[in-house]
Amino acid sequence: MRAAREDRLDSNDTGGGFPTKQVLLVLAIVVVGYVLWQSLQEQPAEVIPEPVAVEEIVVAEPALPPAEDIPPPPVVAAPAETEAPPPPQLPPLEESDAMVREQLSAAGIGPELDKLQQQQNLIQQGTALIEGFSRGLVVRKLLPIDPPQGAFKVEQQGEQMIMSPASYARYDNYAEAIATLDSAALVDNFHTMRPLFEQAYGQLGLPAEDFDNAVIRVLDRILATPEIEEPIALTRKSVMYQYADPQLEQLTPLQKQLLRMGPENIRRIKEQAAALRAGLLSQ
């Protein structure tokens, strides 16, 4: 699960009979997270210094940026001579893994995520990932997914160390999996799955009704990630790489991990994020 020393980039890190695409919206966001989580598995062990007695400093967590509410879908009146079909019945949250696995299979998720279907509490874990992403964080060790093939590479360009563009291709398959999801179907089916994800969000000690804001906040953070065409300069601090540009180094861990995917892959993911955001807020 750990990679060579040169593959370290410091990011200052700190959950029968159901419709076939009901979980796709959150899957689209969570898939991004799984891709980013994989890159974190490439990090080597850190040297733990001897403990030193220091005065405890309490650092206030930064306030979350505002995020819009996702409105409920419009109510379409059925013709007088017909009855509106009842909404699909959701399983209990604790029994939802089989349904999620069914949806993962129906969604055509590629082999990169095969191990996902072997896990438990998929909705709860996916909700925890979204909560972390909404704060710009990448939550580690939630799901055992194989890292991208090949090592993270750097190159020397004169006296400057840069991130090798050859590393970007390692993420092509993951970006393709996200970009080819049906955004219209994701939006149409979000509201059906919403109660289970809100329940899981509430189990994190957060207001269940704020889950939609977390989803929008994740999409906003993805959309705010820069697309950098020129080589990205790095510096080395001990065994870790950092971005030489202070503005890049101040990005959230989520955005710094996205940068490792390269500008073309970032564009594809941002196009999907923009379509999902527009569809969700246009109800």
C-alpha atoms as a PDB file:
ATOM      1  CA  MET A   1       0.000   0.000   0.000  1.00  0.00           C
ATOM      2  CA  ARG A   2       3.027   2.325   0.289  1.00  0.00           C
ATOM      3  CA  ALA A   3       5.199   3.497  -2.577  1.00  0.00           C
ATOM      4  CA  ALA A   4       8.702   4.635  -3.095  1.00  0.00           C
ATOM      5  CA  ARG A   5       9.982   7.791  -1.535  1.00  0.00           C
ATOM      6  CA  GLU A   6       9.947   9.690  -4.807  1.00  0.00           C
ATOM      7  CA  ASP A   7       6.182   9.125  -5.082  1.00  0.00           C
ATOM      8  CA  ARG A   8       5.267  11.487  -2.271  1.00  0.00           C
ATOM      9  CA  LEU A   9       3.440  14.767  -2.753  1.00  0.00           C
ATOM     10  CA  ASP A  10       2.571  16.553   0.444  1.00  0.00           C
ATOM     11  CA  SER A  11      -1.072  17.632   0.583  1.00  0.00           C
ATOM     12  CA  ASN A  12      -1.196  18.750   4.208  1.00  0.00           C
ATOM     13  CA  ASP A  13      -4.008  16.309   5.010  1.00  0.00           C
ATOM     14  CA  THR A  14      -5.045  15.993   8.381  1.00  0.00           C
ATOM     15  CA  GLY A  15     -22.687   3.932   2.638  1.00  0.00           C
ATOM     16  CA  GLY A  16     -34.634  -6.338  -5.500  1.00  0.00           C
ATOM     17  CA  GLY A  17     -36.875  -4.446  -7.651  1.00  0.00           C
ATOM     18  CA  PHE A  18     -35.142  -1.174  -7.293  1.00  0.00           C
ATOM     19  CA  PRO A  19     -34.644   1.214 -10.248  1.00  0.00           C
ATOM     20  CA  THR A  20     -31.293   0.566 -11.887  1.00  0.00           C
ATOM     21  CA  LYS A  21     -29.581   3.970 -11.521  1.00  0.00           C
ATOM     22  CA  GLN A  22     -30.708   5.320  -8.192  1.00  0.00           C
ATOM     23  CA  VAL A  23     -27.305   5.840  -6.643  1.00  0.00           C
ATOM     24  CA  LEU A  24     -25.477   7.233  -9.655  1.00  0.00           C
ATOM     25  CA  LEU A  25     -25.377  10.898  -8.632  1.00  0.00           C
ATOM     26  CA  VAL A  26     -23.577  10.271  -5.402  1.00  0.00           C
ATOM     27  CA  LEU A  27     -21.502   7.578  -7.126  1.00  0.00           C
ATOM     28  CA  ALA A  28     -20.269  10.205  -9.600  1.00  0.00           C
ATOM     29  CA  ILE A  29     -18.967  12.290  -6.716  1.00  0.00           C
ATOM     30  CA  VAL A  30     -17.708   9.335  -4.703  1.00  0.00           C
ATOM     31  CA  VAL A  31     -15.854   7.903  -7.720  1.00  0.00           C
ATOM     32  CA  VAL A  32     -13.827  11.118  -7.784  1.00  0.00           C
ATOM     33  CA  GLY A  33     -13.054  10.487  -4.168  1.00  0.00           C
ATOM     34  CA  TYR A  34     -11.988   6.918  -4.752  1.00  0.00           C
ATOM     35  CA  VAL A  35      -9.581   8.074  -7.445  1.00  0.00           C
ATOM     36  CA  LEU A  36      -8.078  10.647  -5.117  1.00  0.00           C
ATOM     37  CA  TRP A  37      -7.953   8.176  -2.252  1.00  0.00           C
ATOM     38  CA  GLN A  38      -5.866   5.876  -4.403  1.00  0.00           C
ATOM     39  CA  SER A  39      -3.215   8.520  -4.909  1.00  0.00           C
ATOM     40  CA  LEU A  40      -2.887   8.850  -1.169  1.00  0.00           C
ATOM     41  CA  GLN A  41      -2.034   5.162  -0.927  1.00  0.00           C
ATOM     42  CA  GLU A  42       1.170   5.942  -2.805  1.00  0.00           C
ATOM     43  CA  GLN A  43       2.626   7.882   0.101  1.00  0.00           C
ATOM     44  CA  PRO A  44       5.600   6.466   2.051  1.00  0.00           C
ATOM     45  CA  ALA A  45       5.899   6.188   5.767  1.00  0.00           C
ATOM     46  CA  GLU A  46       6.791   9.321   7.618  1.00  0.00           C
ATOM     47  CA  VAL A  47       9.533   9.484  10.220  1.00  0.00           C
ATOM     48  CA  ILE A  48       7.896   9.997  13.592  1.00  0.00           C
ATOM     49  CA  PRO A  49      10.038  12.289  15.781  1.00  0.00           C
ATOM     50  CA  GLU A  50      10.464  11.862  19.491  1.00  0.00           C
ATOM     51  CA  PRO A  51       7.588  13.522  21.385  1.00  0.00           C
ATOM     52  CA  VAL A  52       8.317  17.021  22.583  1.00  0.00           C
ATOM     53  CA  ALA A  53       6.343  18.772  25.270  1.00  0.00           C
ATOM     54  CA  VAL A  54       4.624  21.754  23.686  1.00  0.00           C
ATOM     55  CA  GLU A  55       1.839  24.050  24.652  1.00  0.00           C
ATOM     56  CA  GLU A  56      -1.442  22.924  23.116  1.00  0.00           C
ATOM     57  CA  ILE A  57      -2.685  25.283  20.453  1.00  0.00           C
ATOM     58  CA  VAL A  58      -6.319  25.129  19.453  1.00  0.00           C
ATOM     59  CA  VAL A  59      -6.798  26.037  15.791  1.00  0.00           C
ATOM     60  CA  ALA A  60     -10.320  26.946  14.737  1.00  0.00           C
ATOM     61  CA  GLU A  61     -11.517  25.012  11.700  1.00  0.00           C
ATOM     62  CA  PRO A  62     -12.136  27.367   8.774  1.00  0.00           C
ATOM     63  CA  ALA A  63     -15.733  28.159   7.995  1.00  0.00           C
ATOM     64  CA  LEU A  64     -17.262  26.229   5.135  1.00  0.00           C
ATOM     65  CA  PRO A  65     -18.049  28.192   1.992  1.00  0.00           C
ATOM     66  CA  PRO A  66     -21.755  28.716   1.316  1.00  0.00           C
ATOM     67  CA  ALA A  67     -23.554  26.170  -0.849  1.00  0.00           C
ATOM     68  CA  GLU A  68     -26.983  26.264  -2.430  1.00  0.00           C
ATOM     69  CA  ASP A  69     -29.886  24.023  -1.434  1.00  0.00           C
ATOM     70  CA  ILE A  70     -30.959  21.356  -3.905  1.00  0.00           C
ATOM     71  CA  PRO A  71     -34.688  21.878  -4.360  1.00  0.00           C
ATOM     72  CA  PRO A  72     -37.091  18.936  -4.402  1.00  0.00           C
ATOM     73  CA  PRO A  73     -38.276  17.786  -7.816  1.00  0.00           C
ATOM     74  CA  PRO A  74     -41.433  19.412  -9.134  1.00  0.00           C
ATOM     75  CA  VAL A  75     -44.659  17.529  -8.511  1.00  0.00           C
ATOM     76  CA  VAL A  76     -46.216  16.445 -11.792  1.00  0.00           C
ATOM     77  CA  ALA A  77     -49.959  15.922 -11.489  1.00  0.00           C
ATOM     78  CA  ALA A  78     -51.173  12.627 -12.963  1.00  0.00           C
ATOM     79  CA  PRO A  79     -54.110  12.701 -15.383  1.00  0.00           C
ATOM     80  CA  ALA A  80     -57.469  12.356 -13.640  1.00  0.00           C
ATOM     81  CA  GLU A  81     -58.097   8.892 -15.090  1.00  0.00           C
ATOM     82  CA  THR A  82     -54.790   7.449 -13.849  1.00  0.00           C
ATOM     83  CA  GLU A  83     -53.137   7.077 -10.499  1.00  0.00           C
ATOM     84  CA  ALA A  84     -49.630   8.291  -9.896  1.00  0.00           C
ATOM     85  CA  PRO A  85     -47.258   5.365  -9.272  1.00  0.00           C
ATOM     86  CA  PRO A  86     -46.082   5.078  -5.673  1.00  0.00           C
ATOM     87  CA  PRO A  87     -42.471   6.059  -4.982  1.00  0.00           C
ATOM     88  CA  PRO A  88     -40.042   3.141  -4.918  1.00  0.00           C
ATOM     89  CA  GLN A  89     -39.482   1.574  -1.533  1.00  0.00           C
ATOM     90  CA  LEU A  90     -36.011   2.030  -0.107  1.00  0.00           C
ATOM     91  CA  PRO A  91     -34.376  -0.667   1.999  1.00  0.00           C
ATOM     92  CA  PRO A  92     -33.258   0.168   5.536  1.00  0.00           C
ATOM     93  CA  LEU A  93     -29.873   1.871   5.565  1.00  0.00           C
ATOM     94  CA  GLU A  94     -28.275  -1.084   7.349  1.00  0.00           C
ATOM     95  CA  GLU A  95     -29.524  -3.438   4.607  1.00  0.00           C
ATOM     96  CA  SER A  96     -28.708  -1.261   1.612  1.00  0.00           C
ATOM     97  CA  ASP A  97     -25.349  -2.768   0.600  1.00  0.00           C
ATOM     98  CA  ALA A  98     -26.885  -5.357  -1.736  1.00  0.00           C
ATOM     99  CA  MET A  99     -28.846  -2.639  -3.515  1.00  0.00           C
ATOM    100  CA  VAL A 100     -25.745  -0.454  -3.825  1.00  0.00           C
ATOM    101  CA  ARG A 101     -23.747  -3.348  -5.267  1.00  0.00           C
ATOM    102  CA  GLU A 102     -26.544  -3.917  -7.773  1.00  0.00           C
ATOM    103  CA  GLN A 103     -26.416  -0.284  -8.773  1.00  0.00           C
ATOM    104  CA  LEU A 104     -22.623  -0.325  -9.077  1.00  0.00           C
ATOM    105  CA  SER A 105     -22.897  -3.272 -11.445  1.00  0.00           C
ATOM    106  CA  ALA A 106     -25.734  -1.663 -13.420  1.00  0.00           C
ATOM    107  CA  ALA A 107     -23.790   1.595 -13.652  1.00  0.00           C
ATOM    108  CA  GLY A 108     -21.030  -0.178 -15.545  1.00  0.00           C
ATOM    109  CA  ILE A 109     -18.286   0.890 -13.162  1.00  0.00           C
ATOM    110  CA  GLY A 110     -14.995  -0.416 -14.533  1.00  0.00           C
ATOM    111  CA  PRO A 111     -12.595  -2.917 -12.995  1.00  0.00           C
ATOM    112  CA  GLU A 112     -10.797  -0.106 -11.149  1.00  0.00           C
ATOM    113  CA  LEU A 113     -13.548  -0.251  -8.537  1.00  0.00           C
ATOM    114  CA  ASP A 114     -14.209  -3.996  -8.359  1.00  0.00           C
ATOM    115  CA  LYS A 115     -12.985  -4.177  -4.776  1.00  0.00           C
ATOM    116  CA  LEU A 116     -15.589  -1.608  -3.781  1.00  0.00           C
ATOM    117  CA  GLN A 117     -18.362  -4.170  -4.099  1.00  0.00           C
ATOM    118  CA  GLN A 118     -16.715  -6.365  -1.483  1.00  0.00           C
ATOM    119  CA  GLN A 119     -16.997  -3.728   1.242  1.00  0.00           C
ATOM    120  CA  GLN A 120     -19.665  -3.140   3.865  1.00  0.00           C
ATOM    121  CA  ASN A 121     -21.701  -0.023   4.784  1.00  0.00           C
ATOM    122  CA  LEU A 122     -21.221   1.479   1.336  1.00  0.00           C
ATOM    123  CA  ILE A 123     -23.664   4.360   1.734  1.00  0.00           C
ATOM    124  CA  GLN A 124     -22.215   5.293   5.124  1.00  0.00           C
ATOM    125  CA  GLN A 125     -18.659   5.252   3.783  1.00  0.00           C
ATOM    126  CA  GLY A 126     -19.614   7.173   0.668  1.00  0.00           C
ATOM    127  CA  THR A 127     -21.359   9.780   2.785  1.00  0.00           C
ATOM    128  CA  ALA A 128     -18.265  10.149   4.966  1.00  0.00           C
ATOM    129  CA  LEU A 129     -16.163  10.703   1.841  1.00  0.00           C
ATOM    130  CA  ILE A 130     -18.537  13.410   0.611  1.00  0.00           C
ATOM    131  CA  GLU A 131     -18.502  15.101   4.005  1.00  0.00           C
ATOM    132  CA  GLY A 132     -14.705  15.199   3.895  1.00  0.00           C
ATOM    133  CA  PHE A 133     -14.586  16.426   0.317  1.00  0.00           C
ATOM    134  CA  SER A 134     -17.054  19.184   1.173  1.00  0.00           C
ATOM    135  CA  ARG A 135     -14.407  20.520   3.567  1.00  0.00           C
ATOM    136  CA  GLY A 136     -11.684  20.089   0.950  1.00  0.00           C
ATOM    137  CA  LEU A 137     -10.212  17.027   2.671  1.00  0.00           C
ATOM    138  CA  VAL A 138      -9.378  13.581   1.346  1.00  0.00           C
ATOM    139  CA  VAL A 139     -10.414  10.947   3.876  1.00  0.00           C
ATOM    140  CA  ARG A 140      -7.907   8.102   3.984  1.00  0.00           C
ATOM    141  CA  LYS A 141      -8.291   4.354   4.398  1.00  0.00           C
ATOM    142  CA  LEU A 142     -12.016   4.106   3.787  1.00  0.00           C
ATOM    143  CA  LEU A 143     -11.916   1.705   0.868  1.00  0.00           C
ATOM    144  CA  PRO A 144      -9.140  -0.608  -0.382  1.00  0.00           C
ATOM    145  CA  ILE A 145      -8.838   0.279  -4.065  1.00  0.00           C
ATOM    146  CA  ASP A 146      -5.808  -0.460  -6.198  1.00  0.00           C
ATOM    147  CA  PRO A 147      -3.626   2.583  -6.888  1.00  0.00           C
ATOM    148  CA  PRO A 148      -2.991   3.728 -10.469  1.00  0.00           C
ATOM    149  CA  GLN A 149      -0.502   1.686 -12.446  1.00  0.00           C
ATOM    150  CA  GLY A 150       3.046   3.004 -12.435  1.00  0.00           C
ATOM    151  CA  ALA A 151       4.849   5.371 -10.120  1.00  0.00           C
ATOM    152  CA  PHE A 152       4.422   9.090  -9.635  1.00  0.00           C
ATOM    153  CA  LYS A 153       7.238  10.706 -11.633  1.00  0.00           C
ATOM    154  CA  VAL A 154       9.146  13.952 -11.490  1.00  0.00           C
ATOM    155  CA  GLU A 155      11.531  15.462 -14.019  1.00  0.00           C
ATOM    156  CA  GLN A 156      14.353  17.950 -13.825  1.00  0.00           C
ATOM    157  CA  GLN A 157      13.907  20.969 -16.100  1.00  0.00           C
ATOM    158  CA  GLY A 158      17.076  22.973 -15.754  1.00  0.00           C
ATOM    159  CA  GLU A 159      17.363  23.749 -12.068  1.00  0.00           C
ATOM    160  CA  GLN A 160      13.628  23.264 -11.486  1.00  0.00           C
ATOM    161  CA  MET A 161      11.961  20.009 -10.508  1.00  0.00           C
ATOM    162  CA  ILE A 162       8.565  19.486 -12.196  1.00  0.00           C
ATOM    163  CA  MET A 163       5.703  17.000 -12.061  1.00  0.00           C
ATOM    164  CA  SER A 164       6.115  14.682 -15.035  1.00  0.00           C
ATOM    165  CA  PRO A 165       3.188  14.850 -17.498  1.00  0.00           C
ATOM    166  CA  ALA A 166       3.764  11.119 -18.058  1.00  0.00           C
ATOM    167  CA  SER A 167       2.105  10.516 -14.688  1.00  0.00           C
ATOM    168  CA  TYR A 168      -1.217  11.983 -15.844  1.00  0.00           C
ATOM    169  CA  ALA A 169      -2.079   9.009 -18.061  1.00  0.00           C
ATOM    170  CA  ARG A 170      -2.326   6.788 -14.972  1.00  0.00           C
ATOM    171  CA  TYR A 171      -5.663   8.460 -14.215  1.00  0.00           C
ATOM    172  CA  ASP A 172      -7.196   8.330 -17.705  1.00  0.00           C
ATOM    173  CA  ASN A 173      -9.402   5.305 -16.960  1.00  0.00           C
ATOM    174  CA  TYR A 174     -10.798   6.874 -13.785  1.00  0.00           C
ATOM    175  CA  ALA A 175     -11.571  10.158 -15.511  1.00  0.00           C
ATOM    176  CA  GLU A 176     -13.258   8.217 -18.317  1.00  0.00           C
ATOM    177  CA  ALA A 177     -15.429   6.333 -15.803  1.00  0.00           C
ATOM    178  CA  ILE A 178     -16.617   9.604 -14.293  1.00  0.00           C
ATOM    179  CA  ALA A 179     -17.096  11.468 -17.567  1.00  0.00           C
ATOM    180  CA  THR A 180     -19.228   8.754 -19.178  1.00  0.00           C
ATOM    181  CA  LEU A 181     -21.834   8.571 -16.409  1.00  0.00           C
ATOM    182  CA  ASP A 182     -25.268   9.774 -17.565  1.00  0.00           C
ATOM    183  CA  SER A 183     -25.649  13.152 -15.847  1.00  0.00           C
ATOM    184  CA  ALA A 184     -29.354  13.432 -16.736  1.00  0.00           C
ATOM    185  CA  ALA A 185     -30.055  10.074 -15.101  1.00  0.00           C
ATOM    186  CA  LEU A 186     -27.982  11.087 -12.096  1.00  0.00           C
ATOM    187  CA  VAL A 187     -30.074  14.211 -11.562  1.00  0.00           C
ATOM    188  CA  ASP A 188     -33.396  12.425 -12.139  1.00  0.00           C
ATOM    189  CA  ASN A 189     -32.603   9.767  -9.555  1.00  0.00           C
ATOM    190  CA  PHE A 190     -30.851  11.794  -6.872  1.00  0.00           C
ATOM    191  CA  HIS A 191     -34.068  12.538  -5.006  1.00  0.00           C
ATOM    192  CA  THR A 192     -35.029   8.872  -4.748  1.00  0.00           C
ATOM    193  CA  MET A 193     -31.845   7.955  -2.889  1.00  0.00           C
ATOM    194  CA  ARG A 194     -31.700  11.166  -0.915  1.00  0.00           C
ATOM    195  CA  PRO A 195     -33.355   9.854   2.306  1.00  0.00           C
ATOM    196  CA  LEU A 196     -30.744   7.118   2.833  1.00  0.00           C
ATOM    197  CA  PHE A 197     -27.818   9.450   2.308  1.00  0.00           C
ATOM    198  CA  GLU A 198     -29.379  12.062   4.582  1.00  0.00           C
ATOM    199  CA  GLN A 199     -29.835   9.391   7.246  1.00  0.00           C
ATOM    200  CA  ALA A 200     -26.164   8.413   6.959  1.00  0.00           C
ATOM    201  CA  TYR A 201     -25.165  12.076   7.052  1.00  0.00           C
ATOM    202  CA  GLY A 202     -27.131  12.510  10.268  1.00  0.00           C
ATOM    203  CA  GLN A 203     -25.272   9.553  11.778  1.00  0.00           C
ATOM    204  CA  LEU A 204     -22.080  11.590  11.393  1.00  0.00           C
ATOM    205  CA  GLY A 205     -23.527  14.060  13.905  1.00  0.00           C
ATOM    206  CA  LEU A 206     -24.449  16.568  11.196  1.00  0.00           C
ATOM    207  CA  PRO A 207     -27.846  17.983  10.247  1.00  0.00           C
ATOM    208  CA  ALA A 208     -29.345  15.486   7.806  1.00  0.00           C
ATOM    209  CA  GLU A 209     -30.950  18.278   5.798  1.00  0.00           C
ATOM    210  CA  ASP A 210     -27.496  19.733   5.023  1.00  0.00           C
ATOM    211  CA  PHE A 211     -26.398  16.749   2.930  1.00  0.00           C
ATOM    212  CA  ASP A 212     -27.465  18.474  -0.278  1.00  0.00           C
ATOM    213  CA  ASN A 213     -25.287  21.462   0.627  1.00  0.00           C
ATOM    214  CA  ALA A 214     -22.338  19.099   1.097  1.00  0.00           C
ATOM    215  CA  VAL A 215     -22.920  17.625  -2.377  1.00  0.00           C
ATOM    216  CA  ILE A 216     -22.992  21.083  -3.979  1.00  0.00           C
ATOM    217  CA  ARG A 217     -19.936  22.147  -1.987  1.00  0.00           C
ATOM    218  CA  VAL A 218     -17.970  19.151  -3.326  1.00  0.00           C
ATOM    219  CA  LEU A 219     -18.929  20.047  -6.891  1.00  0.00           C
ATOM    220  CA  ASP A 220     -17.958  23.680  -6.299  1.00  0.00           C
ATOM    221  CA  ARG A 221     -14.540  22.685  -4.985  1.00  0.00           C
ATOM    222  CA  ILE A 222     -13.956  20.468  -8.026  1.00  0.00           C
ATOM    223  CA  LEU A 223     -15.006  23.273 -10.365  1.00  0.00           C
ATOM    224  CA  ALA A 224     -12.640  25.714  -8.623  1.00  0.00           C
ATOM    225  CA  THR A 225      -9.611  23.468  -9.251  1.00  0.00           C
ATOM    226  CA  PRO A 226      -7.241  25.148 -11.730  1.00  0.00           C
ATOM    227  CA  GLU A 227      -6.383  23.552 -15.069  1.00  0.00           C
ATOM    228  CA  ILE A 228      -2.652  24.067 -15.533  1.00  0.00           C
ATOM    229  CA  GLU A 229      -1.242  23.354 -18.973  1.00  0.00           C
ATOM    230  CA  GLU A 230       2.389  24.204 -18.298  1.00  0.00           C
ATOM    231  CA  PRO A 231       4.647  21.950 -16.217  1.00  0.00           C
ATOM    232  CA  ILE A 232       3.931  22.215 -12.493  1.00  0.00           C
ATOM    233  CA  ALA A 233       7.020  23.105 -10.486  1.00  0.00           C
ATOM    234  CA  LEU A 234       7.746  21.157  -7.307  1.00  0.00           C
ATOM    235  CA  THR A 235      10.022  21.520  -4.336  1.00  0.00           C
ATOM    236  CA  ARG A 236      11.181  18.787  -2.023  1.00  0.00           C
ATOM    237  CA  LYS A 237      10.777  18.925   1.723  1.00  0.00           C
ATOM    238  CA  SER A 238      12.376  15.926   3.401  1.00  0.00           C
ATOM    239  CA  VAL A 239      10.729  12.895   1.723  1.00  0.00           C
ATOM    240  CA  MET A 240       7.769  14.886   0.435  1.00  0.00           C
ATOM    241  CA  TYR A 241       7.115  16.940  -2.664  1.00  0.00           C
ATOM    242  CA  GLN A 242       5.331  20.256  -2.441  1.00  0.00           C
ATOM    243  CA  TYR A 243       4.073  22.657  -5.084  1.00  0.00           C
ATOM    244  CA  ALA A 244       6.592  25.427  -5.645  1.00  0.00           C
ATOM    245  CA  ASP A 245       3.817  27.936  -6.385  1.00  0.00           C
ATOM    246  CA  PRO A 246       2.468  29.135  -3.003  1.00  0.00           C
ATOM    247  CA  GLN A 247      -1.014  29.551  -4.479  1.00  0.00           C
ATOM    248  CA  LEU A 248      -1.089  25.891  -5.518  1.00  0.00           C
ATOM    249  CA  GLU A 249       0.315  24.759  -2.195  1.00  0.00           C
ATOM    250  CA  GLN A 250      -2.525  26.632  -0.452  1.00  0.00           C
ATOM    251  CA  LEU A 251      -5.205  24.697  -2.350  1.00  0.00           C
ATOM    252  CA  THR A 252      -7.218  22.152  -0.397  1.00  0.00           C
ATOM    253  CA  PRO A 253      -5.922  18.561  -0.279  1.00  0.00           C
ATOM    254  CA  LEU A 254      -8.812  17.569  -2.556  1.00  0.00           C
ATOM    255  CA  GLN A 255      -7.760  20.067  -5.219  1.00  0.00           C
ATOM    256  CA  LYS A 256      -4.059  19.267  -4.908  1.00  0.00           C
ATOM    257  CA  GLN A 257      -4.810  15.614  -5.528  1.00  0.00           C
ATOM    258  CA  LEU A 258      -6.901  16.524  -8.576  1.00  0.00           C
ATOM    259  CA  LEU A 259      -3.901  18.403  -9.984  1.00  0.00           C
ATOM    260  CA  ARG A 260      -2.021  15.115 -10.104  1.00  0.00           C
ATOM    261  CA  MET A 261      -4.499  13.875 -12.723  1.00  0.00           C
ATOM    262  CA  GLY A 262      -3.431  16.452 -15.308  1.00  0.00           C
ATOM    263  CA  PRO A 263      -5.368  19.239 -17.051  1.00  0.00           C
ATOM    264  CA  GLU A 264      -7.244  17.080 -19.568  1.00  0.00           C
ATOM    265  CA  ASN A 265      -8.548  14.677 -16.943  1.00  0.00           C
ATOM    266  CA  ILE A 266      -9.454  17.584 -14.667  1.00  0.00           C
ATOM    267  CA  ARG A 267     -11.438  19.151 -17.520  1.00  0.00           C
ATOM    268  CA  ARG A 268     -13.415  15.952 -18.079  1.00  0.00           C
ATOM    269  CA  ILE A 269     -14.254  15.661 -14.394  1.00  0.00           C
ATOM    270  CA  LYS A 270     -15.186  19.346 -14.172  1.00  0.00           C
ATOM    271  CA  GLU A 271     -17.513  19.013 -17.165  1.00  0.00           C
ATOM    272  CA  GLN A 272     -19.384  16.229 -15.364  1.00  0.00           C
ATOM    273  CA  ALA A 273     -19.433  18.239 -12.123  1.00  0.00           C
ATOM    274  CA  ALA A 274     -20.827  21.290 -13.941  1.00  0.00           C
ATOM    275  CA  ALA A 275     -23.568  19.230 -15.619  1.00  0.00           C
ATOM    276  CA  LEU A 276     -24.562  17.650 -12.311  1.00  0.00           C
ATOM    277  CA  ARG A 277     -24.623  20.982 -10.517  1.00  0.00           C
ATOM    278  CA  ALA A 278     -26.708  22.663 -13.188  1.00  0.00           C
ATOM    279  CA  GLY A 279     -29.169  19.775 -13.313  1.00  0.00           C
ATOM    280  CA  LEU A 280     -29.577  19.576  -9.550  1.00  0.00           C
ATOM    281  CA  LEU A 281     -30.228  23.285  -9.137  1.00  0.00           C
ATOM    282  CA  SER A 282     -32.555  23.646 -12.127  1.00  0.00           C
ATOM    283  CA  GLN A 283     -35.502  21.772 -10.608  1.00  0.00           C
END
